[in-house]
N, C-alpha and C. Protein backbone atom coordinates (compact mmCIF):
# COMPACT_ATOMS: atom_id res chain seq x y z
N MET A 1 13.75 -3.59 4.87
CA MET A 1 14.36 -3.00 3.70
C MET A 1 14.86 -4.13 2.78
N LEU A 2 14.65 -3.93 1.51
CA LEU A 2 15.06 -4.92 0.52
C LEU A 2 16.36 -4.49 -0.15
N THR A 3 17.16 -5.46 -0.55
CA THR A 3 18.39 -5.17 -1.28
C THR A 3 18.08 -5.07 -2.77
N LEU A 4 19.03 -4.55 -3.51
CA LEU A 4 18.89 -4.48 -4.96
C LEU A 4 18.72 -5.88 -5.55
N GLU A 5 19.46 -6.83 -5.03
CA GLU A 5 19.36 -8.20 -5.53
C GLU A 5 17.97 -8.77 -5.30
N GLU A 6 17.38 -8.49 -4.14
CA GLU A 6 16.04 -8.98 -3.84
C GLU A 6 15.00 -8.34 -4.76
N VAL A 7 15.14 -7.05 -5.01
CA VAL A 7 14.20 -6.35 -5.89
C VAL A 7 14.32 -6.87 -7.32
N CYS A 8 15.54 -7.02 -7.81
CA CYS A 8 15.73 -7.54 -9.16
C CYS A 8 15.15 -8.95 -9.29
N ALA A 9 15.34 -9.78 -8.29
CA ALA A 9 14.79 -11.13 -8.33
C ALA A 9 13.27 -11.09 -8.35
N GLU A 10 12.69 -10.24 -7.54
CA GLU A 10 11.22 -10.15 -7.49
C GLU A 10 10.65 -9.64 -8.82
N LEU A 11 11.33 -8.68 -9.43
CA LEU A 11 10.87 -8.11 -10.70
C LEU A 11 11.29 -8.95 -11.90
N ARG A 12 12.13 -9.94 -11.65
CA ARG A 12 12.66 -10.81 -12.71
C ARG A 12 13.40 -10.00 -13.77
N ILE A 13 14.28 -9.14 -13.30
CA ILE A 13 15.13 -8.34 -14.17
C ILE A 13 16.57 -8.49 -13.71
N ASN A 14 17.51 -8.12 -14.58
CA ASN A 14 18.90 -8.14 -14.14
C ASN A 14 19.30 -6.73 -13.70
N ARG A 15 20.46 -6.65 -13.11
CA ARG A 15 20.92 -5.38 -12.55
C ARG A 15 21.08 -4.31 -13.63
N SER A 16 21.52 -4.69 -14.81
CA SER A 16 21.70 -3.70 -15.88
C SER A 16 20.36 -3.10 -16.30
N THR A 17 19.29 -3.89 -16.29
CA THR A 17 17.96 -3.35 -16.58
C THR A 17 17.56 -2.33 -15.52
N PHE A 18 17.78 -2.69 -14.26
CA PHE A 18 17.47 -1.75 -13.18
C PHE A 18 18.26 -0.46 -13.35
N ASN A 19 19.55 -0.58 -13.64
CA ASN A 19 20.38 0.62 -13.80
C ASN A 19 19.90 1.49 -14.96
N GLY A 20 19.42 0.86 -16.02
CA GLY A 20 18.84 1.61 -17.14
C GLY A 20 17.59 2.36 -16.71
N TRP A 21 16.73 1.68 -15.95
CA TRP A 21 15.51 2.33 -15.43
C TRP A 21 15.88 3.50 -14.54
N ARG A 22 16.90 3.29 -13.71
CA ARG A 22 17.31 4.34 -12.78
C ARG A 22 17.85 5.55 -13.55
N ALA A 23 18.62 5.31 -14.60
CA ALA A 23 19.16 6.40 -15.42
C ALA A 23 18.03 7.18 -16.08
N LYS A 24 16.94 6.49 -16.43
CA LYS A 24 15.78 7.14 -17.05
C LYS A 24 14.81 7.69 -16.02
N LYS A 25 15.15 7.52 -14.74
CA LYS A 25 14.31 7.99 -13.62
C LYS A 25 12.94 7.31 -13.61
N CYS A 26 12.91 6.03 -13.98
CA CYS A 26 11.64 5.30 -13.92
C CYS A 26 11.76 4.03 -13.07
N ALA A 27 12.77 3.97 -12.22
CA ALA A 27 12.96 2.83 -11.32
C ALA A 27 12.19 3.08 -10.03
N PRO A 28 11.95 2.03 -9.26
CA PRO A 28 11.30 2.23 -7.96
C PRO A 28 12.18 3.08 -7.05
N PRO A 29 11.57 3.88 -6.17
CA PRO A 29 12.34 4.73 -5.27
C PRO A 29 13.22 3.91 -4.34
N CYS A 30 14.41 4.44 -4.07
CA CYS A 30 15.33 3.72 -3.20
C CYS A 30 16.14 4.70 -2.35
N LEU A 31 16.78 4.15 -1.36
CA LEU A 31 17.67 4.92 -0.50
C LEU A 31 19.09 4.48 -0.80
N LYS A 32 20.01 5.44 -0.88
CA LYS A 32 21.41 5.11 -1.07
C LYS A 32 22.11 5.24 0.28
N LEU A 33 22.66 4.14 0.75
CA LEU A 33 23.35 4.12 2.03
C LEU A 33 24.73 4.76 1.91
N PRO A 34 25.33 5.14 3.05
CA PRO A 34 26.67 5.74 3.00
C PRO A 34 27.71 4.86 2.31
N ASN A 35 27.51 3.55 2.33
CA ASN A 35 28.46 2.65 1.66
C ASN A 35 28.17 2.50 0.16
N GLY A 36 27.17 3.24 -0.35
CA GLY A 36 26.84 3.22 -1.77
C GLY A 36 25.80 2.19 -2.16
N LYS A 37 25.44 1.30 -1.26
CA LYS A 37 24.45 0.27 -1.58
C LYS A 37 23.04 0.86 -1.55
N LEU A 38 22.16 0.27 -2.34
CA LEU A 38 20.78 0.73 -2.42
C LEU A 38 19.88 -0.16 -1.58
N ARG A 39 18.88 0.46 -0.97
CA ARG A 39 17.87 -0.27 -0.20
C ARG A 39 16.50 0.26 -0.59
N PHE A 40 15.52 -0.63 -0.53
CA PHE A 40 14.17 -0.31 -0.97
C PHE A 40 13.19 -0.63 0.14
N ARG A 41 12.27 0.28 0.38
CA ARG A 41 11.19 0.01 1.33
C ARG A 41 10.12 -0.81 0.61
N ARG A 42 9.64 -1.84 1.28
CA ARG A 42 8.61 -2.70 0.70
C ARG A 42 7.40 -1.86 0.28
N SER A 43 6.99 -0.94 1.13
CA SER A 43 5.80 -0.13 0.83
C SER A 43 6.01 0.72 -0.44
N GLU A 44 7.21 1.26 -0.61
CA GLU A 44 7.49 2.07 -1.80
C GLU A 44 7.54 1.21 -3.06
N LEU A 45 8.11 0.01 -2.94
CA LEU A 45 8.15 -0.89 -4.09
C LEU A 45 6.73 -1.31 -4.48
N ASP A 46 5.90 -1.64 -3.50
CA ASP A 46 4.52 -2.02 -3.79
C ASP A 46 3.75 -0.88 -4.44
N ARG A 47 3.96 0.34 -3.96
CA ARG A 47 3.30 1.51 -4.54
C ARG A 47 3.75 1.70 -5.99
N TRP A 48 5.04 1.56 -6.24
CA TRP A 48 5.59 1.70 -7.58
C TRP A 48 4.99 0.64 -8.52
N LEU A 49 4.90 -0.60 -8.03
CA LEU A 49 4.32 -1.67 -8.85
C LEU A 49 2.86 -1.38 -9.19
N ARG A 50 2.10 -0.88 -8.21
CA ARG A 50 0.69 -0.53 -8.48
C ARG A 50 0.60 0.57 -9.53
N SER A 51 1.49 1.55 -9.46
CA SER A 51 1.45 2.65 -10.43
C SER A 51 1.77 2.14 -11.83
N CYS A 52 2.65 1.16 -11.94
CA CYS A 52 2.96 0.56 -13.25
C CYS A 52 1.75 -0.18 -13.80
N ALA A 53 1.04 -0.88 -12.94
CA ALA A 53 -0.15 -1.63 -13.36
C ALA A 53 -1.24 -0.69 -13.83
N GLU A 54 -1.38 0.47 -13.18
CA GLU A 54 -2.40 1.44 -13.56
C GLU A 54 -2.12 2.01 -14.94
N VAL A 55 -0.86 2.21 -15.28
CA VAL A 55 -0.49 2.77 -16.58
C VAL A 55 -0.83 1.80 -17.70
N THR A 56 -0.62 0.52 -17.47
CA THR A 56 -0.86 -0.47 -18.53
C THR A 56 -2.31 -0.93 -18.60
N ALA A 57 -3.09 -0.65 -17.58
CA ALA A 57 -4.48 -1.12 -17.55
C ALA A 57 -5.37 -0.29 -18.45
C-alpha cells in the first residue's frame, strides 16, 4: 500500500492538487483508514494511470 505522500511524489503533484482532484472525484481510488490517513493499492493506481493515458491518446 502506498501513502498519499508516495503517490503525490510519483505523480509529481502537491497535496492540494490531489485534494482538488479528490473533490472533483477524479483522483485515483484510495482507502481511508480508521485514523483518517489514505492508502493506495499499487494495482489501482496503475489502472488509474492507464485510464488517464487512454483519455489523452
